[in-house]
């Protein structure tokens, strides 16, 4: 099952090694090719468009890095809520969905594209 986990508080190298980080360089985590290059309102939608245009090798390399879904994808905003406590959708969830579509591996996400969900920024 492909999971997306929040990396906040994950500091020990052994714990970090169990996560396939998909974010920008921050707090000792390295920059990755799957980090969302966009910020602000609409960033997740723009990332989804960007990701869809990447060559097949881009997603294949993520599949390899996450050990075919055995390692969770790690980012900073998954499982976060907006100021009014509504859930947010993050780029890590977009990547998990792309892996699901491509490789048919079940994800932990019941309703990834909830129209009431807000985007993380």
PDB file of N, CA and C in Angstrom:
ATOM      1  N   UNK A   1       0.852  -1.175   0.000  1.00  0.00           N
ATOM      2  CA  UNK A   1       0.000   0.000   0.000  1.00  0.00           C
ATOM      3  C   UNK A   1       0.899   1.240   0.000  1.00  0.00           C
ATOM      4  N   UNK A   2       0.624   2.176  -0.856  1.00  0.00           N
ATOM      5  CA  UNK A   2       1.378   3.423  -0.912  1.00  0.00           C
ATOM      6  C   UNK A   2       0.793   4.383   0.118  1.00  0.00           C
ATOM      7  N   UNK A   3       1.655   4.841   1.013  1.00  0.00           N
ATOM      8  CA  UNK A   3       1.230   5.782   2.038  1.00  0.00           C
ATOM      9  C   UNK A   3       1.977   7.099   1.864  1.00  0.00           C
ATOM     10  N   UNK A   4       1.393   8.148   2.385  1.00  0.00           N
ATOM     11  CA  UNK A   4       2.048   9.452   2.427  1.00  0.00           C
ATOM     12  C   UNK A   4       2.090   9.845   3.893  1.00  0.00           C
ATOM     13  N   UNK A   5       3.268  10.181   4.363  1.00  0.00           N
ATOM     14  CA  UNK A   5       3.434  10.491   5.778  1.00  0.00           C
ATOM     15  C   UNK A   5       4.031  11.883   5.960  1.00  0.00           C
ATOM     16  N   UNK A   6       3.705  12.502   7.058  1.00  0.00           N
ATOM     17  CA  UNK A   6       4.250  13.811   7.385  1.00  0.00           C
ATOM     18  C   UNK A   6       5.617  13.602   8.024  1.00  0.00           C
ATOM     19  N   UNK A   7       6.624  14.328   7.551  1.00  0.00           N
ATOM     20  CA  UNK A   7       7.990  14.145   8.043  1.00  0.00           C
ATOM     21  C   UNK A   7       8.346  15.056   9.218  1.00  0.00           C
ATOM     22  N   UNK A   8       7.419  15.881   9.624  1.00  0.00           N
ATOM     23  CA  UNK A   8       7.691  16.776  10.758  1.00  0.00           C
ATOM     24  C   UNK A   8       8.092  15.947  11.979  1.00  0.00           C
ATOM     25  N   UNK A   9       9.219  16.264  12.551  1.00  0.00           N
ATOM     26  CA  UNK A   9       9.689  15.568  13.746  1.00  0.00           C
ATOM     27  C   UNK A   9      10.523  14.324  13.476  1.00  0.00           C
ATOM     28  N   UNK A  10      10.648  13.920  12.219  1.00  0.00           N
ATOM     29  CA  UNK A  10      11.454  12.743  11.885  1.00  0.00           C
ATOM     30  C   UNK A  10      12.894  13.221  11.715  1.00  0.00           C
ATOM     31  N   UNK A  11      13.739  12.914  12.699  1.00  0.00           N
ATOM     32  CA  UNK A  11      15.099  13.453  12.699  1.00  0.00           C
ATOM     33  C   UNK A  11      16.190  12.395  12.655  1.00  0.00           C
ATOM     34  N   UNK A  12      15.936  11.251  13.216  1.00  0.00           N
ATOM     35  CA  UNK A  12      16.980  10.233  13.290  1.00  0.00           C
ATOM     36  C   UNK A  12      17.231   9.637  11.896  1.00  0.00           C
ATOM     37  N   UNK A  13      18.500   9.487  11.510  1.00  0.00           N
ATOM     38  CA  UNK A  13      18.819   8.939  10.185  1.00  0.00           C
ATOM     39  C   UNK A  13      18.179   7.583   9.898  1.00  0.00           C
ATOM     40  N   UNK A  14      18.082   6.724  10.911  1.00  0.00           N
ATOM     41  CA  UNK A  14      17.448   5.414  10.693  1.00  0.00           C
ATOM     42  C   UNK A  14      15.975   5.566  10.339  1.00  0.00           C
ATOM     43  N   UNK A  15      15.296   6.522  10.982  1.00  0.00           N
ATOM     44  CA  UNK A  15      13.886   6.761  10.682  1.00  0.00           C
ATOM     45  C   UNK A  15      13.723   7.401   9.312  1.00  0.00           C
ATOM     46  N   UNK A  16      14.609   8.326   8.980  1.00  0.00           N
ATOM     47  CA  UNK A  16      14.552   8.991   7.674  1.00  0.00           C
ATOM     48  C   UNK A  16      14.793   8.006   6.531  1.00  0.00           C
ATOM     49  N   UNK A  17      15.630   7.014   6.780  1.00  0.00           N
ATOM     50  CA  UNK A  17      15.937   6.021   5.748  1.00  0.00           C
ATOM     51  C   UNK A  17      14.727   5.167   5.385  1.00  0.00           C
ATOM     52  N   UNK A  18      13.718   5.158   6.233  1.00  0.00           N
ATOM     53  CA  UNK A  18      12.508   4.361   5.991  1.00  0.00           C
ATOM     54  C   UNK A  18      11.451   5.139   5.213  1.00  0.00           C
ATOM     55  N   UNK A  19      11.776   6.374   4.819  1.00  0.00           N
ATOM     56  CA  UNK A  19      10.822   7.254   4.131  1.00  0.00           C
ATOM     57  C   UNK A  19      11.401   7.684   2.797  1.00  0.00           C
ATOM     58  N   UNK A  20      10.581   7.722   1.786  1.00  0.00           N
ATOM     59  CA  UNK A  20      10.973   8.245   0.480  1.00  0.00           C
ATOM     60  C   UNK A  20      10.519   9.708   0.434  1.00  0.00           C
ATOM     61  N   UNK A  21      11.429  10.598   0.762  1.00  0.00           N
ATOM     62  CA  UNK A  21      11.108  12.027   0.839  1.00  0.00           C
ATOM     63  C   UNK A  21      10.855  12.592  -0.555  1.00  0.00           C
ATOM     64  N   UNK A  22       9.759  13.343  -0.704  1.00  0.00           N
ATOM     65  CA  UNK A  22       9.373  13.887  -2.012  1.00  0.00           C
ATOM     66  C   UNK A  22       9.217  15.408  -1.986  1.00  0.00           C
ATOM     67  N   UNK A  23       9.956  16.056  -1.097  1.00  0.00           N
ATOM     68  CA  UNK A  23       9.806  17.503  -0.962  1.00  0.00           C
ATOM     69  C   UNK A  23      11.017  18.286  -1.403  1.00  0.00           C
ATOM     70  N   UNK A  24      10.977  19.562  -1.057  1.00  0.00           N
ATOM     71  CA  UNK A  24      12.102  20.460  -1.281  1.00  0.00           C
ATOM     72  C   UNK A  24      13.082  20.321  -0.116  1.00  0.00           C
ATOM     73  N   UNK A  25      14.295  20.827  -0.307  1.00  0.00           N
ATOM     74  CA  UNK A  25      15.281  20.810   0.767  1.00  0.00           C
ATOM     75  C   UNK A  25      14.755  21.630   1.942  1.00  0.00           C
ATOM     76  N   UNK A  26      14.753  21.007   3.119  1.00  0.00           N
ATOM     77  CA  UNK A  26      14.267  21.695   4.310  1.00  0.00           C
ATOM     78  C   UNK A  26      14.612  20.863   5.535  1.00  0.00           C
ATOM     79  N   UNK A  27      15.061  21.514   6.580  1.00  0.00           N
ATOM     80  CA  UNK A  27      15.307  20.893   7.888  1.00  0.00           C
ATOM     81  C   UNK A  27      16.169  19.635   7.786  1.00  0.00           C
ATOM     82  N   UNK A  28      17.179  19.696   6.955  1.00  0.00           N
ATOM     83  CA  UNK A  28      18.072  18.564   6.810  1.00  0.00           C
ATOM     84  C   UNK A  28      17.639  17.526   5.796  1.00  0.00           C
ATOM     85  N   UNK A  29      16.447  17.678   5.251  1.00  0.00           N
ATOM     86  CA  UNK A  29      15.993  16.776   4.192  1.00  0.00           C
ATOM     87  C   UNK A  29      16.541  17.309   2.867  1.00  0.00           C
ATOM     88  N   UNK A  30      16.941  16.429   1.963  1.00  0.00           N
ATOM     89  CA  UNK A  30      17.515  16.885   0.691  1.00  0.00           C
ATOM     90  C   UNK A  30      16.447  17.339  -0.301  1.00  0.00           C
ATOM     91  N   UNK A  31      16.853  18.152  -1.251  1.00  0.00           N
ATOM     92  CA  UNK A  31      15.969  18.519  -2.348  1.00  0.00           C
ATOM     93  C   UNK A  31      15.758  17.271  -3.211  1.00  0.00           C
ATOM     94  N   UNK A  32      14.540  17.066  -3.681  1.00  0.00           N
ATOM     95  CA  UNK A  32      14.270  15.901  -4.528  1.00  0.00           C
ATOM     96  C   UNK A  32      13.660  16.355  -5.840  1.00  0.00           C
ATOM     97  N   UNK A  33      13.733  15.509  -6.804  1.00  0.00           N
ATOM     98  CA  UNK A  33      13.159  15.828  -8.119  1.00  0.00           C
ATOM     99  C   UNK A  33      11.631  15.809  -8.098  1.00  0.00           C
ATOM    100  N   UNK A  34      11.040  15.320  -7.016  1.00  0.00           N
ATOM    101  CA  UNK A  34       9.582  15.244  -6.926  1.00  0.00           C
ATOM    102  C   UNK A  34       8.983  16.338  -6.043  1.00  0.00           C
ATOM    103  N   UNK A  35       9.810  17.250  -5.578  1.00  0.00           N
ATOM    104  CA  UNK A  35       9.305  18.357  -4.772  1.00  0.00           C
ATOM    105  C   UNK A  35       8.428  19.278  -5.617  1.00  0.00           C
ATOM    106  N   UNK A  36       7.456  19.887  -4.980  1.00  0.00           N
ATOM    107  CA  UNK A  36       6.564  20.804  -5.692  1.00  0.00           C
ATOM    108  C   UNK A  36       7.308  22.118  -5.943  1.00  0.00           C
ATOM    109  N   UNK A  37       7.553  22.453  -7.217  1.00  0.00           N
ATOM    110  CA  UNK A  37       8.277  23.693  -7.509  1.00  0.00           C
ATOM    111  C   UNK A  37       7.406  24.938  -7.372  1.00  0.00           C
ATOM    112  N   UNK A  38       6.115  24.749  -7.118  1.00  0.00           N
ATOM    113  CA  UNK A  38       5.179  25.869  -7.043  1.00  0.00           C
ATOM    114  C   UNK A  38       4.821  26.184  -5.601  1.00  0.00           C
ATOM    115  N   UNK A  39       4.503  27.431  -5.354  1.00  0.00           N
ATOM    116  CA  UNK A  39       4.086  27.876  -4.023  1.00  0.00           C
ATOM    117  C   UNK A  39       2.820  28.701  -4.158  1.00  0.00           C
ATOM    118  N   UNK A  40       2.109  28.822  -3.052  1.00  0.00           N
ATOM    119  CA  UNK A  40       0.938  29.686  -3.022  1.00  0.00           C
ATOM    120  C   UNK A  40      -0.323  29.023  -3.543  1.00  0.00           C
ATOM    121  N   UNK A  41      -1.343  29.846  -3.690  1.00  0.00           N
ATOM    122  CA  UNK A  41      -2.652  29.362  -4.137  1.00  0.00           C
ATOM    123  C   UNK A  41      -2.535  28.691  -5.507  1.00  0.00           C
ATOM    124  N   UNK A  42      -3.101  27.521  -5.639  1.00  0.00           N
ATOM    125  CA  UNK A  42      -3.078  26.792  -6.900  1.00  0.00           C
ATOM    126  C   UNK A  42      -1.837  25.945  -7.108  1.00  0.00           C
ATOM    127  N   UNK A  43      -0.939  25.907  -6.116  1.00  0.00           N
ATOM    128  CA  UNK A  43       0.324  25.181  -6.278  1.00  0.00           C
ATOM    129  C   UNK A  43       0.119  23.684  -6.512  1.00  0.00           C
ATOM    130  N   UNK A  44      -0.838  23.082  -5.841  1.00  0.00           N
ATOM    131  CA  UNK A  44      -1.049  21.642  -5.996  1.00  0.00           C
ATOM    132  C   UNK A  44      -1.631  21.335  -7.376  1.00  0.00           C
ATOM    133  N   UNK A  45      -2.548  22.160  -7.840  1.00  0.00           N
ATOM    134  CA  UNK A  45      -3.114  21.964  -9.174  1.00  0.00           C
ATOM    135  C   UNK A  45      -2.029  22.127 -10.243  1.00  0.00           C
ATOM    136  N   UNK A  46      -1.182  23.128 -10.067  1.00  0.00           N
ATOM    137  CA  UNK A  46      -0.093  23.333 -11.029  1.00  0.00           C
ATOM    138  C   UNK A  46       0.894  22.162 -10.973  1.00  0.00           C
ATOM    139  N   UNK A  47       1.133  21.645  -9.767  1.00  0.00           N
ATOM    140  CA  UNK A  47       2.017  20.491  -9.651  1.00  0.00           C
ATOM    141  C   UNK A  47       1.420  19.286 -10.375  1.00  0.00           C
ATOM    142  N   UNK A  48       0.132  19.065 -10.242  1.00  0.00           N
ATOM    143  CA  UNK A  48      -0.512  17.929 -10.912  1.00  0.00           C
ATOM    144  C   UNK A  48      -0.327  18.029 -12.430  1.00  0.00           C
ATOM    145  N   UNK A  49      -0.468  19.222 -12.970  1.00  0.00           N
ATOM    146  CA  UNK A  49      -0.252  19.429 -14.407  1.00  0.00           C
ATOM    147  C   UNK A  49       1.216  19.183 -14.766  1.00  0.00           C
ATOM    148  N   UNK A  50       2.118  19.713 -13.968  1.00  0.00           N
ATOM    149  CA  UNK A  50       3.554  19.537 -14.165  1.00  0.00           C
ATOM    150  C   UNK A  50       3.922  18.056 -14.132  1.00  0.00           C
ATOM    151  N   UNK A  51       3.446  17.347 -13.119  1.00  0.00           N
ATOM    152  CA  UNK A  51       3.773  15.930 -12.954  1.00  0.00           C
ATOM    153  C   UNK A  51       3.264  15.094 -14.121  1.00  0.00           C
ATOM    154  N   UNK A  52       2.090  15.437 -14.625  1.00  0.00           N
ATOM    155  CA  UNK A  52       1.507  14.687 -15.743  1.00  0.00           C
ATOM    156  C   UNK A  52       2.341  14.824 -17.016  1.00  0.00           C
ATOM    157  N   UNK A  53       3.128  15.872 -17.117  1.00  0.00           N
ATOM    158  CA  UNK A  53       3.937  16.125 -18.316  1.00  0.00           C
ATOM    159  C   UNK A  53       5.351  15.552 -18.224  1.00  0.00           C
ATOM    160  N   UNK A  54       5.692  14.963 -17.086  1.00  0.00           N
ATOM    161  CA  UNK A  54       7.045  14.431 -16.913  1.00  0.00           C
ATOM    162  C   UNK A  54       7.213  13.131 -17.700  1.00  0.00           C
ATOM    163  N   UNK A  55       8.449  12.829 -18.118  1.00  0.00           N
ATOM    164  CA  UNK A  55       8.683  11.576 -18.848  1.00  0.00           C
ATOM    165  C   UNK A  55       8.444  10.373 -17.937  1.00  0.00           C
ATOM    166  N   UNK A  56       8.165   9.215 -18.513  1.00  0.00           N
ATOM    167  CA  UNK A  56       7.885   8.019 -17.708  1.00  0.00           C
ATOM    168  C   UNK A  56       8.968   7.712 -16.680  1.00  0.00           C
ATOM    169  N   UNK A  57      10.220   8.016 -17.011  1.00  0.00           N
ATOM    170  CA  UNK A  57      11.334   7.722 -16.097  1.00  0.00           C
ATOM    171  C   UNK A  57      11.204   8.475 -14.778  1.00  0.00           C
ATOM    172  N   UNK A  58      10.555   9.624 -14.794  1.00  0.00           N
ATOM    173  CA  UNK A  58      10.379  10.437 -13.592  1.00  0.00           C
ATOM    174  C   UNK A  58       9.587   9.662 -12.539  1.00  0.00           C
ATOM    175  N   UNK A  59       8.468   9.081 -12.962  1.00  0.00           N
ATOM    176  CA  UNK A  59       7.642   8.298 -12.037  1.00  0.00           C
ATOM    177  C   UNK A  59       8.280   6.937 -11.746  1.00  0.00           C
ATOM    178  N   UNK A  60       8.923   6.351 -12.751  1.00  0.00           N
ATOM    179  CA  UNK A  60       9.599   5.069 -12.543  1.00  0.00           C
ATOM    180  C   UNK A  60      10.676   5.185 -11.474  1.00  0.00           C
ATOM    181  N   UNK A  61      11.414   6.293 -11.488  1.00  0.00           N
ATOM    182  CA  UNK A  61      12.472   6.452 -10.489  1.00  0.00           C
ATOM    183  C   UNK A  61      11.878   6.623  -9.081  1.00  0.00           C
ATOM    184  N   UNK A  62      10.723   7.267  -8.986  1.00  0.00           N
ATOM    185  CA  UNK A  62      10.045   7.370  -7.688  1.00  0.00           C
ATOM    186  C   UNK A  62       9.600   5.990  -7.222  1.00  0.00           C
ATOM    187  N   UNK A  63       9.079   5.206  -8.140  1.00  0.00           N
ATOM    188  CA  UNK A  63       8.644   3.842  -7.829  1.00  0.00           C
ATOM    189  C   UNK A  63       9.813   3.023  -7.270  1.00  0.00           C
ATOM    190  N   UNK A  64      10.960   3.183  -7.870  1.00  0.00           N
ATOM    191  CA  UNK A  64      12.149   2.484  -7.380  1.00  0.00           C
ATOM    192  C   UNK A  64      12.580   3.030  -6.009  1.00  0.00           C
ATOM    193  N   UNK A  65      12.583   4.356  -5.860  1.00  0.00           N
ATOM    194  CA  UNK A  65      13.022   4.965  -4.600  1.00  0.00           C
ATOM    195  C   UNK A  65      12.123   4.576  -3.420  1.00  0.00           C
ATOM    196  N   UNK A  66      10.843   4.390  -3.685  1.00  0.00           N
ATOM    197  CA  UNK A  66       9.925   4.017  -2.589  1.00  0.00           C
ATOM    198  C   UNK A  66       9.795   2.505  -2.464  1.00  0.00           C
ATOM    199  N   UNK A  67      10.733   1.781  -3.076  1.00  0.00           N
ATOM    200  CA  UNK A  67      10.781   0.319  -2.957  1.00  0.00           C
ATOM    201  C   UNK A  67       9.449  -0.316  -3.348  1.00  0.00           C
ATOM    202  N   UNK A  68       8.925   0.149  -4.486  1.00  0.00           N
ATOM    203  CA  UNK A  68       7.666  -0.378  -5.029  1.00  0.00           C
ATOM    204  C   UNK A  68       6.500  -0.247  -4.066  1.00  0.00           C
ATOM    205  N   UNK A  69       6.481   0.876  -3.369  1.00  0.00           N
ATOM    206  CA  UNK A  69       5.381   1.164  -2.465  1.00  0.00           C
ATOM    207  C   UNK A  69       5.605   0.722  -1.035  1.00  0.00           C
ATOM    208  N   UNK A  70       6.745   0.111  -0.752  1.00  0.00           N
ATOM    209  CA  UNK A  70       7.029  -0.349   0.612  1.00  0.00           C
ATOM    210  C   UNK A  70       7.382   0.804   1.548  1.00  0.00           C
ATOM    211  N   UNK A  71       8.073   1.823   1.028  1.00  0.00           N
ATOM    212  CA  UNK A  71       8.404   3.000   1.834  1.00  0.00           C
ATOM    213  C   UNK A  71       7.334   4.057   1.612  1.00  0.00           C
ATOM    214  N   UNK A  72       6.887   4.717   2.657  1.00  0.00           N
ATOM    215  CA  UNK A  72       5.908   5.796   2.458  1.00  0.00           C
ATOM    216  C   UNK A  72       6.578   6.998   1.804  1.00  0.00           C
ATOM    217  N   UNK A  73       5.793   7.752   1.056  1.00  0.00           N
ATOM    218  CA  UNK A  73       6.257   9.029   0.523  1.00  0.00           C
ATOM    219  C   UNK A  73       6.188  10.029   1.671  1.00  0.00           C
ATOM    220  N   UNK A  74       7.198  10.851   1.817  1.00  0.00           N
ATOM    221  CA  UNK A  74       7.224  11.806   2.921  1.00  0.00           C
ATOM    222  C   UNK A  74       7.197  13.238   2.451  1.00  0.00           C
ATOM    223  N   UNK A  75       6.354  14.042   3.072  1.00  0.00           N
ATOM    224  CA  UNK A  75       6.303  15.474   2.785  1.00  0.00           C
ATOM    225  C   UNK A  75       5.905  16.208   4.066  1.00  0.00           C
ATOM    226  N   UNK A  76       5.809  17.496   3.971  1.00  0.00           N
ATOM    227  CA  UNK A  76       5.541  18.327   5.149  1.00  0.00           C
ATOM    228  C   UNK A  76       4.069  18.613   5.389  1.00  0.00           C
ATOM    229  N   UNK A  77       3.229  18.472   4.406  1.00  0.00           N
ATOM    230  CA  UNK A  77       1.868  18.987   4.574  1.00  0.00           C
ATOM    231  C   UNK A  77       0.778  17.923   4.608  1.00  0.00           C
ATOM    232  N   UNK A  78       1.094  16.671   4.330  1.00  0.00           N
ATOM    233  CA  UNK A  78       0.050  15.656   4.351  1.00  0.00           C
ATOM    234  C   UNK A  78      -0.549  15.555   5.754  1.00  0.00           C
ATOM    235  N   UNK A  79      -1.827  15.286   5.792  1.00  0.00           N
ATOM    236  CA  UNK A  79      -2.597  15.157   7.031  1.00  0.00           C
ATOM    237  C   UNK A  79      -2.687  16.480   7.794  1.00  0.00           C
ATOM    238  N   UNK A  80      -2.518  17.568   7.078  1.00  0.00           N
ATOM    239  CA  UNK A  80      -2.683  18.890   7.672  1.00  0.00           C
ATOM    240  C   UNK A  80      -4.087  19.394   7.355  1.00  0.00           C
ATOM    241  N   UNK A  81      -4.494  20.411   8.065  1.00  0.00           N
ATOM    242  CA  UNK A  81      -5.794  21.018   7.794  1.00  0.00           C
ATOM    243  C   UNK A  81      -5.613  22.516   7.625  1.00  0.00           C
ATOM    244  N   UNK A  82      -6.579  23.114   6.964  1.00  0.00           N
ATOM    245  CA  UNK A  82      -6.587  24.563   6.796  1.00  0.00           C
ATOM    246  C   UNK A  82      -7.016  25.191   8.124  1.00  0.00           C
ATOM    247  N   UNK A  83      -6.985  26.510   8.184  1.00  0.00           N
ATOM    248  CA  UNK A  83      -7.354  27.215   9.404  1.00  0.00           C
ATOM    249  C   UNK A  83      -8.745  26.886   9.903  1.00  0.00           C
ATOM    250  N   UNK A  84      -9.636  26.482   9.001  1.00  0.00           N
ATOM    251  CA  UNK A  84     -10.993  26.128   9.412  1.00  0.00           C
ATOM    252  C   UNK A  84     -11.163  24.615   9.599  1.00  0.00           C
ATOM    253  N   UNK A  85     -10.043  23.895   9.705  1.00  0.00           N
ATOM    254  CA  UNK A  85     -10.011  22.448   9.933  1.00  0.00           C
ATOM    255  C   UNK A  85     -10.472  21.596   8.759  1.00  0.00           C
ATOM    256  N   UNK A  86     -10.584  22.181   7.569  1.00  0.00           N
ATOM    257  CA  UNK A  86     -10.894  21.350   6.404  1.00  0.00           C
ATOM    258  C   UNK A  86      -9.598  20.709   5.924  1.00  0.00           C
ATOM    259  N   UNK A  87      -9.679  19.481   5.404  1.00  0.00           N
ATOM    260  CA  UNK A  87      -8.457  18.803   4.964  1.00  0.00           C
ATOM    261  C   UNK A  87      -7.833  19.500   3.754  1.00  0.00           C
ATOM    262  N   UNK A  88      -6.523  19.344   3.618  1.00  0.00           N
ATOM    263  CA  UNK A  88      -5.829  19.889   2.457  1.00  0.00           C
ATOM    264  C   UNK A  88      -5.282  18.732   1.624  1.00  0.00           C
ATOM    265  N   UNK A  89      -5.155  18.944   0.346  1.00  0.00           N
ATOM    266  CA  UNK A  89      -4.548  17.977  -0.555  1.00  0.00           C
ATOM    267  C   UNK A  89      -3.129  18.447  -0.828  1.00  0.00           C
ATOM    268  N   UNK A  90      -2.165  17.536  -0.759  1.00  0.00           N
ATOM    269  CA  UNK A  90      -0.777  17.928  -0.989  1.00  0.00           C
ATOM    270  C   UNK A  90      -0.207  17.206  -2.209  1.00  0.00           C
ATOM    271  N   UNK A  91       0.947  17.673  -2.650  1.00  0.00           N
ATOM    272  CA  UNK A  91       1.549  17.086  -3.849  1.00  0.00           C
ATOM    273  C   UNK A  91       1.973  15.635  -3.608  1.00  0.00           C
ATOM    274  N   UNK A  92       2.287  15.266  -2.370  1.00  0.00           N
ATOM    275  CA  UNK A  92       2.615  13.874  -2.077  1.00  0.00           C
ATOM    276  C   UNK A  92       1.445  12.945  -2.367  1.00  0.00           C
ATOM    277  N   UNK A  93       0.249  13.420  -2.107  1.00  0.00           N
ATOM    278  CA  UNK A  93      -0.944  12.629  -2.412  1.00  0.00           C
ATOM    279  C   UNK A  93      -1.152  12.518  -3.928  1.00  0.00           C
ATOM    280  N   UNK A  94      -0.792  13.565  -4.648  1.00  0.00           N
ATOM    281  CA  UNK A  94      -0.858  13.512  -6.115  1.00  0.00           C
ATOM    282  C   UNK A  94       0.098  12.421  -6.612  1.00  0.00           C
ATOM    283  N   UNK A  95       1.319  12.414  -6.074  1.00  0.00           N
ATOM    284  CA  UNK A  95       2.297  11.402  -6.473  1.00  0.00           C
ATOM    285  C   UNK A  95       1.820   9.988  -6.124  1.00  0.00           C
ATOM    286  N   UNK A  96       1.260   9.816  -4.933  1.00  0.00           N
ATOM    287  CA  UNK A  96       0.750   8.498  -4.541  1.00  0.00           C
ATOM    288  C   UNK A  96      -0.339   8.039  -5.500  1.00  0.00           C
ATOM    289  N   UNK A  97      -1.201   8.949  -5.899  1.00  0.00           N
ATOM    290  CA  UNK A  97      -2.258   8.594  -6.842  1.00  0.00           C
ATOM    291  C   UNK A  97      -1.678   8.224  -8.203  1.00  0.00           C
ATOM    292  N   UNK A  98      -0.664   8.946  -8.642  1.00  0.00           N
ATOM    293  CA  UNK A  98      -0.017   8.626  -9.919  1.00  0.00           C
ATOM    294  C   UNK A  98       0.620   7.235  -9.870  1.00  0.00           C
ATOM    295  N   UNK A  99       1.250   6.890  -8.752  1.00  0.00           N
ATOM    296  CA  UNK A  99       1.824   5.558  -8.606  1.00  0.00           C
ATOM    297  C   UNK A  99       0.727   4.499  -8.629  1.00  0.00           C
ATOM    298  N   UNK A 100      -0.380   4.801  -7.975  1.00  0.00           N
ATOM    299  CA  UNK A 100      -1.519   3.865  -7.981  1.00  0.00           C
ATOM    300  C   UNK A 100      -2.022   3.626  -9.403  1.00  0.00           C
ATOM    301  N   UNK A 101      -2.209   4.703 -10.148  1.00  0.00           N
ATOM    302  CA  UNK A 101      -2.710   4.588 -11.521  1.00  0.00           C
ATOM    303  C   UNK A 101      -1.718   3.808 -12.383  1.00  0.00           C
ATOM    304  N   UNK A 102      -0.443   4.107 -12.225  1.00  0.00           N
ATOM    305  CA  UNK A 102       0.581   3.488 -13.061  1.00  0.00           C
ATOM    306  C   UNK A 102       0.851   2.037 -12.690  1.00  0.00           C
ATOM    307  N   UNK A 103       0.920   1.745 -11.401  1.00  0.00           N
ATOM    308  CA  UNK A 103       1.362   0.424 -10.959  1.00  0.00           C
ATOM    309  C   UNK A 103       0.271  -0.411 -10.292  1.00  0.00           C
ATOM    310  N   UNK A 104      -0.898   0.182 -10.075  1.00  0.00           N
ATOM    311  CA  UNK A 104      -2.018  -0.566  -9.525  1.00  0.00           C
ATOM    312  C   UNK A 104      -1.875  -0.950  -8.074  1.00  0.00           C
ATOM    313  N   UNK A 105      -1.022  -0.246  -7.347  1.00  0.00           N
ATOM    314  CA  UNK A 105      -0.842  -0.535  -5.928  1.00  0.00           C
ATOM    315  C   UNK A 105      -1.789   0.340  -5.137  1.00  0.00           C
ATOM    316  N   UNK A 106      -2.520  -0.269  -4.254  1.00  0.00           N
ATOM    317  CA  UNK A 106      -3.502   0.435  -3.452  1.00  0.00           C
ATOM    318  C   UNK A 106      -2.847   1.540  -2.624  1.00  0.00           C
ATOM    319  N   UNK A 107      -3.563   2.641  -2.441  1.00  0.00           N
ATOM    320  CA  UNK A 107      -3.065   3.731  -1.614  1.00  0.00           C
ATOM    321  C   UNK A 107      -3.901   3.819  -0.346  1.00  0.00           C
ATOM    322  N   UNK A 108      -3.413   4.581   0.614  1.00  0.00           N
ATOM    323  CA  UNK A 108      -4.146   4.785   1.859  1.00  0.00           C
ATOM    324  C   UNK A 108      -5.234   5.838   1.708  1.00  0.00           C
ATOM    325  N   UNK A 109      -5.326   6.434   0.538  1.00  0.00           N
ATOM    326  CA  UNK A 109      -6.210   7.580   0.344  1.00  0.00           C
ATOM    327  C   UNK A 109      -7.590   7.133  -0.124  1.00  0.00           C
ATOM    328  N   UNK A 110      -8.587   7.398   0.685  1.00  0.00           N
ATOM    329  CA  UNK A 110      -9.941   6.988   0.324  1.00  0.00           C
ATOM    330  C   UNK A 110     -10.541   7.897  -0.737  1.00  0.00           C
ATOM    331  N   UNK A 111     -10.369   9.175  -0.566  1.00  0.00           N
ATOM    332  CA  UNK A 111     -10.985  10.128  -1.480  1.00  0.00           C
ATOM    333  C   UNK A 111      -9.983  11.248  -1.744  1.00  0.00           C
ATOM    334  N   UNK A 112      -9.000  10.937  -2.593  1.00  0.00           N
ATOM    335  CA  UNK A 112      -7.891  11.845  -2.812  1.00  0.00           C
ATOM    336  C   UNK A 112      -8.339  13.215  -3.295  1.00  0.00           C
ATOM    337  N   UNK A 113      -9.224  13.262  -4.227  1.00  0.00           N
ATOM    338  CA  UNK A 113      -9.605  14.536  -4.805  1.00  0.00           C
ATOM    339  C   UNK A 113     -10.965  14.984  -4.296  1.00  0.00           C
ATOM    340  N   UNK A 114     -11.038  15.174  -3.008  1.00  0.00           N
ATOM    341  CA  UNK A 114     -12.243  15.651  -2.362  1.00  0.00           C
ATOM    342  C   UNK A 114     -12.469  17.097  -2.794  1.00  0.00           C
ATOM    343  N   UNK A 115     -13.587  17.387  -3.461  1.00  0.00           N
ATOM    344  CA  UNK A 115     -13.808  18.739  -3.956  1.00  0.00           C
ATOM    345  C   UNK A 115     -13.938  19.772  -2.841  1.00  0.00           C
ATOM    346  N   UNK A 116     -14.179  19.329  -1.612  1.00  0.00           N
ATOM    347  CA  UNK A 116     -14.273  20.281  -0.510  1.00  0.00           C
ATOM    348  C   UNK A 116     -12.908  20.520   0.143  1.00  0.00           C
ATOM    349  N   UNK A 117     -11.906  19.717  -0.243  1.00  0.00           N
ATOM    350  CA  UNK A 117     -10.583  19.858   0.360  1.00  0.00           C
ATOM    351  C   UNK A 117      -9.888  21.093  -0.213  1.00  0.00           C
ATOM    352  N   UNK A 118      -9.130  21.741   0.629  1.00  0.00           N
ATOM    353  CA  UNK A 118      -8.342  22.884   0.201  1.00  0.00           C
ATOM    354  C   UNK A 118      -6.937  22.409  -0.124  1.00  0.00           C
ATOM    355  N   UNK A 119      -6.228  23.183  -0.909  1.00  0.00           N
ATOM    356  CA  UNK A 119      -4.850  22.855  -1.241  1.00  0.00           C
ATOM    357  C   UNK A 119      -3.935  23.336  -0.136  1.00  0.00           C
ATOM    358  N   UNK A 120      -2.857  22.581   0.068  1.00  0.00           N
ATOM    359  CA  UNK A 120      -1.807  23.093   0.948  1.00  0.00           C
ATOM    360  C   UNK A 120      -1.001  24.095   0.151  1.00  0.00           C
ATOM    361  N   UNK A 121      -0.318  24.969   0.839  1.00  0.00           N
ATOM    362  CA  UNK A 121       0.499  25.964   0.127  1.00  0.00           C
ATOM    363  C   UNK A 121       1.955  25.788   0.424  1.00  0.00           C
TER     364      UNK A 121
END
